[in-house]
Amino acid sequence: MALMRSLLGAKKILRAVTSKGETSATPKGFLAVYVGESQKKRYVVPISYLSQPSFQALLGKSEEEFGFDHPMGGLTIPCPEDTFVNVTSRFQ
């Protein structure tokens, strides 16, 4: 049940990102995210990452800090860039 709530929350975030036009330059099947604590770097990741528990944890941090109002116009994940790379490099 918690996984379902996480996925529904992720879909809500995706709709918020799409409504701002951020995904227009992002290839189909991918999601643009901004990562970093002070300076944000844009990453384009496969939407399959949304099913990964560790990526869902990052989304939870994002929701806690920003709700669904992301200052960069796209999904912002408030963690160090090296942490994000370390977490996502384990997928696949």
Protein backbone atom coordinates (compact mmCIF):
# COMPACT_ATOMS: atom_id res chain seq x y z
CA MET A 1 0.00 0.00 0.00
CA ALA A 2 2.86 2.41 0.78
CA LEU A 3 4.34 1.73 -2.65
CA MET A 4 1.02 2.60 -4.27
CA ARG A 5 0.86 5.89 -2.34
CA SER A 6 4.44 6.68 -3.42
CA LEU A 7 3.62 6.00 -7.05
CA LEU A 8 0.48 8.12 -6.87
CA GLY A 9 2.53 10.93 -5.32
CA ALA A 10 5.10 10.57 -8.09
CA LYS A 11 2.37 10.78 -10.72
CA LYS A 12 1.11 13.96 -9.08
CA ILE A 13 4.61 15.41 -9.30
CA LEU A 14 4.85 14.36 -12.94
CA ARG A 15 1.60 16.15 -13.73
CA ALA A 16 2.91 19.29 -12.01
CA VAL A 17 6.11 19.13 -14.05
CA THR A 18 4.22 18.52 -17.29
CA SER A 19 1.84 21.40 -16.64
CA LYS A 20 4.79 23.80 -16.51
CA GLY A 21 6.11 22.57 -19.85
CA GLU A 22 9.38 21.21 -18.46
CA THR A 23 9.03 17.85 -20.17
CA SER A 24 8.64 19.36 -23.66
CA ALA A 25 12.43 19.16 -24.19
CA THR A 26 12.70 15.82 -22.41
CA PRO A 27 12.54 12.64 -24.51
CA LYS A 28 9.44 10.48 -24.18
CA GLY A 29 9.87 7.95 -21.38
CA PHE A 30 12.23 10.19 -19.43
CA LEU A 31 11.90 12.74 -16.66
CA ALA A 32 13.98 15.88 -16.09
CA VAL A 33 15.06 16.44 -12.51
CA TYR A 34 17.19 19.13 -10.90
CA VAL A 35 19.63 17.86 -8.31
CA GLY A 36 21.83 19.62 -5.81
CA GLU A 37 21.76 21.55 -2.60
CA SER A 38 22.79 25.06 -3.60
CA GLN A 39 23.53 24.80 -7.32
CA LYS A 40 21.12 22.61 -9.27
CA LYS A 41 22.17 20.38 -12.16
CA ARG A 42 19.62 19.01 -14.65
CA TYR A 43 19.50 15.24 -15.17
CA VAL A 44 17.25 13.33 -17.54
CA VAL A 45 16.37 9.94 -16.08
CA PRO A 46 14.15 7.09 -17.31
CA ILE A 47 10.67 7.09 -15.78
CA SER A 48 11.33 3.46 -14.79
CA TYR A 49 13.31 4.96 -11.89
CA LEU A 50 9.97 5.88 -10.31
CA SER A 51 9.47 2.24 -9.33
CA GLN A 52 12.81 2.06 -7.47
CA PRO A 53 12.42 2.35 -3.67
CA SER A 54 15.59 4.43 -3.29
CA PHE A 55 14.40 6.89 -5.97
CA GLN A 56 11.02 7.06 -4.22
CA ALA A 57 12.89 8.02 -1.04
CA LEU A 58 14.50 10.91 -2.93
CA LEU A 59 11.06 11.94 -4.18
CA GLY A 60 9.83 11.89 -0.58
CA LYS A 61 12.62 14.32 0.40
CA SER A 62 11.60 16.51 -2.51
CA GLU A 63 7.95 16.49 -1.45
CA GLU A 64 8.87 17.32 2.16
CA GLU A 65 10.96 20.31 1.12
CA PHE A 66 9.03 21.69 -1.85
CA GLY A 67 5.60 20.09 -1.84
CA PHE A 68 4.47 20.30 -5.45
CA ASP A 69 5.84 23.79 -6.08
CA HIS A 70 9.34 23.34 -7.49
CA PRO A 71 11.39 26.52 -7.90
CA MET A 72 13.28 25.30 -10.98
CA GLY A 73 10.09 24.66 -12.96
CA GLY A 74 10.84 20.93 -12.88
CA LEU A 75 11.17 18.29 -10.23
CA THR A 76 13.87 19.36 -7.77
CA ILE A 77 15.59 16.77 -5.59
CA PRO A 78 17.33 18.37 -2.59
CA CYS A 79 20.32 16.09 -2.12
CA PRO A 80 24.01 16.31 -2.95
CA GLU A 81 24.70 15.53 -6.60
CA ASP A 82 27.11 12.71 -5.73
CA THR A 83 24.42 11.05 -3.59
CA PHE A 84 21.96 11.19 -6.49
CA VAL A 85 24.53 9.71 -8.89
CA ASN A 86 25.43 7.00 -6.36
CA VAL A 87 21.77 6.03 -5.85
CA THR A 88 20.80 6.02 -9.52
CA SER A 89 23.95 4.22 -10.66
CA ARG A 90 22.71 1.12 -8.83
CA PHE A 91 19.62 0.85 -11.05
CA GLN A 92 19.49 -1.37 -14.18
